[in-house]
Structure formats: structure tokens, C-alpha cells
Amino acid sequence: MNILALTAAALTLFGPATKDDVNALKLALADERAAISLYEAVILKFGAEPPFSNIVRAERTHAALVEDAMRKLDVPVPADRGKAVDAPASREEALETAIRAERENIALYDRLLRLDLSPEVRGTLETLQAASRERHLPAFERALARIRGGGFDGNRRSDPGQGQGGRRWRHGWGRTGR
């Protein structure tokens, strides 16, 4: 199949992009890339530990989903300029910043989903918003609560201080120091 046939097939599946589709996808991509920059800065400063190490991978996948939707709609994908971001001064501040960023991301998607979007773009944005609301934000909130409570940290749901198999968990933000 040649490139024209593939483009025609994609347009048949996705339909032509509306102005709202284009604007929404560009804003979504910029926001996903901003999250990647922030979380990578935190990882460089404090190490590749959960929840940042897990969520930065998800954010890269989210950016790729938006880029893919743009390509399918024949919308030019803006170059990733990779804005430099300074990491917050402490792990606690990094988590507070991440929580704010995820809340702002959810609010952005709330605004974008009020636009007149094609079903395909709407579905993409709803998927990304759900990830922020249901996974990223709760993971950062749990990690912050664990730091403030003095327990272990990471993206685990077990009792504080307990890792797999009932052993003390020594990885993550709440290192026991043993």
C-alpha cells in the first residue's frame, strides 16, 4: 500500500481535523512535554525512583499518542524544543510541584473536552485525562503523604514500611537508611 492510500485510510478512520482538534492536540502535546521535562529534571536531581520514574515513562507514551493522533489527522507535529526546567529544591517540593502539574493537566483537559472535537481526538484526550486523574495524581499524593508521615514511598499500595513478602522496603523516597 502506498503513502497516499495510507493517508486516505487514516482520514477515513479519523476524518479531517477541525480547528478545535488541531488546537486541542497542540495544547495537549505541549502539556505532556512540559510534564516530561519536569519529571526528568526531578529524576536527574534525586534519582530514578518511583513515582517519577514510572510516570515519566507514561508521559512519554502520552506524548507519543498525541503525536500519533496528529499524524493520523495530517496535522504537523511541532518540534520538541525540550525546555530546560529546574528541579525543585527537595523531594517533598518536587512532589508538591508534580501534584500541582497533574491537577493543572486535568483542568486543561476539562477545558479542551468542552470544545467541539472529533470523536477520535475526544477519546485520546479522555484517555490522557483519566491517566492523570486515576493514576498519576494519586501516585504523587500517596508519595507525598508517605514522606510527610515518615513511611516508605514509591508507587506501592501496601502498608507503610512493608514491601513485598513482608520485608521492609528500602527503596524510594522514604528510604529507611538501613
C-alpha atoms as a PDB file:
ATOM      1  CA  MET A   1       0.000   0.000   0.000  1.00  0.00           C
ATOM      2  CA  ASN A   2       1.441   3.410  -0.915  1.00  0.00           C
ATOM      3  CA  ILE A   3       1.555   6.528   1.258  1.00  0.00           C
ATOM      4  CA  LEU A   4      -1.499   8.095  -0.418  1.00  0.00           C
ATOM      5  CA  ALA A   5      -3.573   5.024   0.314  1.00  0.00           C
ATOM      6  CA  LEU A   6      -2.402   5.007   3.932  1.00  0.00           C
ATOM      7  CA  THR A   7      -3.220   8.705   4.323  1.00  0.00           C
ATOM      8  CA  ALA A   8      -6.653   8.165   2.768  1.00  0.00           C
ATOM      9  CA  ALA A   9      -7.250   5.216   5.098  1.00  0.00           C
ATOM     10  CA  ALA A  10      -6.266   7.292   8.128  1.00  0.00           C
ATOM     11  CA  LEU A  11      -8.553  10.139   7.085  1.00  0.00           C
ATOM     12  CA  THR A  12     -11.369   7.669   6.624  1.00  0.00           C
ATOM     13  CA  LEU A  13     -10.830   6.416  10.164  1.00  0.00           C
ATOM     14  CA  PHE A  14     -10.191   9.808  11.717  1.00  0.00           C
ATOM     15  CA  GLY A  15     -11.877  12.259   9.345  1.00  0.00           C
ATOM     16  CA  PRO A  16     -10.472  15.710   8.647  1.00  0.00           C
ATOM     17  CA  ALA A  17      -9.118  17.671  11.591  1.00  0.00           C
ATOM     18  CA  THR A  18     -11.166  20.614  12.799  1.00  0.00           C
ATOM     19  CA  LYS A  19      -9.596  23.810  14.136  1.00  0.00           C
ATOM     20  CA  ASP A  20     -10.587  22.714  17.660  1.00  0.00           C
ATOM     21  CA  ASP A  21      -8.964  19.307  17.091  1.00  0.00           C
ATOM     22  CA  VAL A  22      -5.701  20.924  15.998  1.00  0.00           C
ATOM     23  CA  ASN A  23      -5.620  23.420  18.877  1.00  0.00           C
ATOM     24  CA  ALA A  24      -6.528  20.782  21.458  1.00  0.00           C
ATOM     25  CA  LEU A  25      -3.859  18.379  20.253  1.00  0.00           C
ATOM     26  CA  LYS A  26      -1.191  21.097  20.221  1.00  0.00           C
ATOM     27  CA  LEU A  27      -2.053  22.173  23.773  1.00  0.00           C
ATOM     28  CA  ALA A  28      -2.159  18.564  24.967  1.00  0.00           C
ATOM     29  CA  LEU A  29       1.223  17.824  23.415  1.00  0.00           C
ATOM     30  CA  ALA A  30       2.804  20.929  24.948  1.00  0.00           C
ATOM     31  CA  ASP A  31       1.454  19.963  28.376  1.00  0.00           C
ATOM     32  CA  GLU A  32       2.642  16.349  28.130  1.00  0.00           C
ATOM     33  CA  ARG A  33       6.091  17.555  27.059  1.00  0.00           C
ATOM     34  CA  ALA A  34       6.206  20.036  29.961  1.00  0.00           C
ATOM     35  CA  ALA A  35       5.475  17.186  32.376  1.00  0.00           C
ATOM     36  CA  ILE A  36       8.259  15.112  30.828  1.00  0.00           C
ATOM     37  CA  SER A  37      10.716  17.994  31.271  1.00  0.00           C
ATOM     38  CA  LEU A  38       9.733  18.494  34.906  1.00  0.00           C
ATOM     39  CA  TYR A  39       9.842  14.812  35.830  1.00  0.00           C
ATOM     40  CA  GLU A  40      13.167  14.288  34.022  1.00  0.00           C
ATOM     41  CA  ALA A  41      14.667  17.237  35.947  1.00  0.00           C
ATOM     42  CA  VAL A  42      13.486  15.678  39.210  1.00  0.00           C
ATOM     43  CA  ILE A  43      14.980  12.323  38.219  1.00  0.00           C
ATOM     44  CA  LEU A  44      18.321  13.941  37.350  1.00  0.00           C
ATOM     45  CA  LYS A  45      18.458  15.662  40.724  1.00  0.00           C
ATOM     46  CA  PHE A  46      17.075  12.948  43.025  1.00  0.00           C
ATOM     47  CA  GLY A  47      17.473   9.701  41.087  1.00  0.00           C
ATOM     48  CA  ALA A  48      15.192   7.456  39.065  1.00  0.00           C
ATOM     49  CA  GLU A  49      12.787   6.448  41.808  1.00  0.00           C
ATOM     50  CA  PRO A  50       9.020   5.985  41.844  1.00  0.00           C
ATOM     51  CA  PRO A  51       6.683   7.624  41.283  1.00  0.00           C
ATOM     52  CA  PHE A  52       8.672   9.928  38.962  1.00  0.00           C
ATOM     53  CA  SER A  53      10.490   7.111  37.167  1.00  0.00           C
ATOM     54  CA  ASN A  54       7.199   5.360  36.400  1.00  0.00           C
ATOM     55  CA  ILE A  55       5.205   8.422  35.456  1.00  0.00           C
ATOM     56  CA  VAL A  56       7.819   9.964  33.163  1.00  0.00           C
ATOM     57  CA  ARG A  57       7.597   6.796  31.037  1.00  0.00           C
ATOM     58  CA  ALA A  58       3.809   7.154  30.939  1.00  0.00           C
ATOM     59  CA  GLU A  59       4.124  10.823  29.946  1.00  0.00           C
ATOM     60  CA  ARG A  60       6.407   9.854  27.053  1.00  0.00           C
ATOM     61  CA  THR A  61       3.769   7.365  25.927  1.00  0.00           C
ATOM     62  CA  HIS A  62       1.084  10.057  26.226  1.00  0.00           C
ATOM     63  CA  ALA A  63       3.104  12.481  24.105  1.00  0.00           C
ATOM     64  CA  ALA A  64       3.569   9.743  21.508  1.00  0.00           C
ATOM     65  CA  LEU A  65      -0.205   9.098  21.475  1.00  0.00           C
ATOM     66  CA  VAL A  66      -0.885  12.775  20.807  1.00  0.00           C
ATOM     67  CA  GLU A  67       1.795  12.891  18.108  1.00  0.00           C
ATOM     68  CA  ASP A  68       0.282   9.783  16.511  1.00  0.00           C
ATOM     69  CA  ALA A  69      -3.189  11.346  16.516  1.00  0.00           C
ATOM     70  CA  MET A  70      -1.736  14.476  14.910  1.00  0.00           C
ATOM     71  CA  ARG A  71      -0.060  12.447  12.177  1.00  0.00           C
ATOM     72  CA  LYS A  72      -3.250  10.490  11.507  1.00  0.00           C
ATOM     73  CA  LEU A  73      -5.101  13.775  11.080  1.00  0.00           C
ATOM     74  CA  ASP A  74      -2.292  15.150   8.886  1.00  0.00           C
ATOM     75  CA  VAL A  75      -1.514  17.840  11.458  1.00  0.00           C
ATOM     76  CA  PRO A  76       2.153  18.854  11.605  1.00  0.00           C
ATOM     77  CA  VAL A  77       3.795  17.735  14.845  1.00  0.00           C
ATOM     78  CA  PRO A  78       5.711  20.646  16.424  1.00  0.00           C
ATOM     79  CA  ALA A  79       9.358  20.004  17.155  1.00  0.00           C
ATOM     80  CA  ASP A  80      10.119  19.136  20.753  1.00  0.00           C
ATOM     81  CA  ARG A  81      12.212  22.053  21.942  1.00  0.00           C
ATOM     82  CA  GLY A  82      12.902  20.299  25.274  1.00  0.00           C
ATOM     83  CA  LYS A  83      12.569  23.274  27.592  1.00  0.00           C
ATOM     84  CA  ALA A  84      15.062  23.190  30.440  1.00  0.00           C
ATOM     85  CA  VAL A  85      13.365  23.009  33.818  1.00  0.00           C
ATOM     86  CA  ASP A  86      14.977  23.419  37.206  1.00  0.00           C
ATOM     87  CA  ALA A  87      14.116  20.689  39.655  1.00  0.00           C
ATOM     88  CA  PRO A  88      12.559  21.769  42.933  1.00  0.00           C
ATOM     89  CA  ALA A  89      14.869  22.049  45.944  1.00  0.00           C
ATOM     90  CA  SER A  90      13.604  18.968  47.801  1.00  0.00           C
ATOM     91  CA  ARG A  91      11.813  15.717  47.124  1.00  0.00           C
ATOM     92  CA  GLU A  92       8.815  16.994  49.039  1.00  0.00           C
ATOM     93  CA  GLU A  93       8.707  20.150  46.937  1.00  0.00           C
ATOM     94  CA  ALA A  94       9.117  18.032  43.783  1.00  0.00           C
ATOM     95  CA  LEU A  95       6.050  16.004  44.752  1.00  0.00           C
ATOM     96  CA  GLU A  96       4.070  19.155  45.555  1.00  0.00           C
ATOM     97  CA  THR A  97       5.032  20.560  42.143  1.00  0.00           C
ATOM     98  CA  ALA A  98       4.060  17.310  40.412  1.00  0.00           C
ATOM     99  CA  ILE A  99       0.685  17.298  42.171  1.00  0.00           C
ATOM    100  CA  ARG A 100       0.058  20.869  41.006  1.00  0.00           C
ATOM    101  CA  ALA A 101       1.128  19.940  37.464  1.00  0.00           C
ATOM    102  CA  GLU A 102      -1.205  16.927  37.342  1.00  0.00           C
ATOM    103  CA  ARG A 103      -4.130  18.988  38.680  1.00  0.00           C
ATOM    104  CA  GLU A 104      -3.440  21.650  36.045  1.00  0.00           C
ATOM    105  CA  ASN A 105      -3.257  18.899  33.413  1.00  0.00           C
ATOM    106  CA  ILE A 106      -6.669  17.565  34.460  1.00  0.00           C
ATOM    107  CA  ALA A 107      -8.112  21.101  34.353  1.00  0.00           C
ATOM    108  CA  LEU A 108      -6.619  21.655  30.883  1.00  0.00           C
ATOM    109  CA  TYR A 109      -8.316  18.506  29.631  1.00  0.00           C
ATOM    110  CA  ASP A 110     -11.582  19.640  31.242  1.00  0.00           C
ATOM    111  CA  ARG A 111     -11.377  22.848  29.172  1.00  0.00           C
ATOM    112  CA  LEU A 112     -10.338  21.059  25.977  1.00  0.00           C
ATOM    113  CA  LEU A 113     -13.091  18.470  26.280  1.00  0.00           C
ATOM    114  CA  ARG A 114     -15.676  21.277  26.224  1.00  0.00           C
ATOM    115  CA  LEU A 115     -14.612  22.073  22.644  1.00  0.00           C
ATOM    116  CA  ASP A 116     -16.275  20.680  19.541  1.00  0.00           C
ATOM    117  CA  LEU A 117     -13.864  17.794  18.984  1.00  0.00           C
ATOM    118  CA  SER A 118     -13.935  14.831  16.668  1.00  0.00           C
ATOM    119  CA  PRO A 119     -14.686  11.535  18.457  1.00  0.00           C
ATOM    120  CA  GLU A 120     -11.124  10.336  17.868  1.00  0.00           C
ATOM    121  CA  VAL A 121      -9.493  13.397  19.420  1.00  0.00           C
ATOM    122  CA  ARG A 122     -12.003  13.426  22.261  1.00  0.00           C
ATOM    123  CA  GLY A 123     -11.210   9.776  23.001  1.00  0.00           C
ATOM    124  CA  THR A 124      -7.469  10.464  23.032  1.00  0.00           C
ATOM    125  CA  LEU A 125      -7.859  13.387  25.443  1.00  0.00           C
ATOM    126  CA  GLU A 126     -10.224  11.455  27.710  1.00  0.00           C
ATOM    127  CA  THR A 127      -7.705   8.618  27.902  1.00  0.00           C
ATOM    128  CA  LEU A 128      -4.899  11.002  28.836  1.00  0.00           C
ATOM    129  CA  GLN A 129      -7.023  12.817  31.404  1.00  0.00           C
ATOM    130  CA  ALA A 130      -8.055   9.539  33.009  1.00  0.00           C
ATOM    131  CA  ALA A 131      -4.398   8.542  33.396  1.00  0.00           C
ATOM    132  CA  SER A 132      -3.637  11.823  35.158  1.00  0.00           C
ATOM    133  CA  ARG A 133      -6.718  11.696  37.367  1.00  0.00           C
ATOM    134  CA  GLU A 134      -6.764   7.996  38.210  1.00  0.00           C
ATOM    135  CA  ARG A 135      -3.065   7.075  38.274  1.00  0.00           C
ATOM    136  CA  HIS A 136      -0.581   9.959  38.233  1.00  0.00           C
ATOM    137  CA  LEU A 137      -2.207  12.323  40.717  1.00  0.00           C
ATOM    138  CA  PRO A 138      -2.976   9.586  43.275  1.00  0.00           C
ATOM    139  CA  ALA A 139       0.578   8.204  42.978  1.00  0.00           C
ATOM    140  CA  PHE A 140       2.119  11.598  43.689  1.00  0.00           C
ATOM    141  CA  GLU A 141      -0.341  12.253  46.533  1.00  0.00           C
ATOM    142  CA  ARG A 142       0.472   8.875  48.134  1.00  0.00           C
ATOM    143  CA  ALA A 143       4.194   9.544  47.825  1.00  0.00           C
ATOM    144  CA  LEU A 144       3.852  12.966  49.429  1.00  0.00           C
ATOM    145  CA  ALA A 145       1.724  11.575  52.250  1.00  0.00           C
ATOM    146  CA  ARG A 146       4.370   8.925  52.901  1.00  0.00           C
ATOM    147  CA  ILE A 147       7.161  11.482  53.071  1.00  0.00           C
ATOM    148  CA  ARG A 148       5.184  13.616  55.466  1.00  0.00           C
ATOM    149  CA  GLY A 149       4.200  10.577  57.501  1.00  0.00           C
ATOM    150  CA  GLY A 150       7.756   9.272  57.652  1.00  0.00           C
ATOM    151  CA  GLY A 151       6.975   5.949  55.984  1.00  0.00           C
ATOM    152  CA  PHE A 152       8.310   4.422  52.829  1.00  0.00           C
ATOM    153  CA  ASP A 153       7.498   5.806  49.438  1.00  0.00           C
ATOM    154  CA  GLY A 154       7.056   4.731  45.892  1.00  0.00           C
ATOM    155  CA  ASN A 155       4.205   3.559  43.828  1.00  0.00           C
ATOM    156  CA  ARG A 156       3.148   0.742  46.147  1.00  0.00           C
ATOM    157  CA  ARG A 157      -0.196   0.189  47.787  1.00  0.00           C
ATOM    158  CA  SER A 158       0.882  -1.996  50.696  1.00  0.00           C
ATOM    159  CA  ASP A 159       1.075  -0.875  54.311  1.00  0.00           C
ATOM    160  CA  PRO A 160       3.706   1.781  55.018  1.00  0.00           C
ATOM    161  CA  GLY A 161       7.069   0.262  55.833  1.00  0.00           C
ATOM    162  CA  GLN A 162       6.232  -3.094  54.319  1.00  0.00           C
ATOM    163  CA  GLY A 163       7.487  -4.275  50.980  1.00  0.00           C
ATOM    164  CA  GLN A 164       6.843  -7.435  49.116  1.00  0.00           C
ATOM    165  CA  GLY A 165       6.815 -10.521  51.249  1.00  0.00           C
ATOM    166  CA  GLY A 166       6.541  -8.506  54.464  1.00  0.00           C
ATOM    167  CA  ARG A 167      10.166  -7.257  54.261  1.00  0.00           C
ATOM    168  CA  ARG A 168      10.960  -3.606  54.956  1.00  0.00           C
ATOM    169  CA  TRP A 169      11.072  -1.763  51.678  1.00  0.00           C
ATOM    170  CA  ARG A 170      14.255   0.293  51.439  1.00  0.00           C
ATOM    171  CA  HIS A 171      13.819   1.887  48.024  1.00  0.00           C
ATOM    172  CA  GLY A 172      12.133   5.084  47.084  1.00  0.00           C
ATOM    173  CA  TRP A 173      11.594   8.448  48.655  1.00  0.00           C
ATOM    174  CA  GLY A 174      11.229   7.216  52.201  1.00  0.00           C
ATOM    175  CA  ARG A 175      14.476   5.297  52.463  1.00  0.00           C
ATOM    176  CA  THR A 176      14.912   3.669  55.847  1.00  0.00           C
ATOM    177  CA  GLY A 177      18.677   4.173  55.774  1.00  0.00           C
ATOM    178  CA  ARG A 178      19.481   0.553  56.527  1.00  0.00           C
END
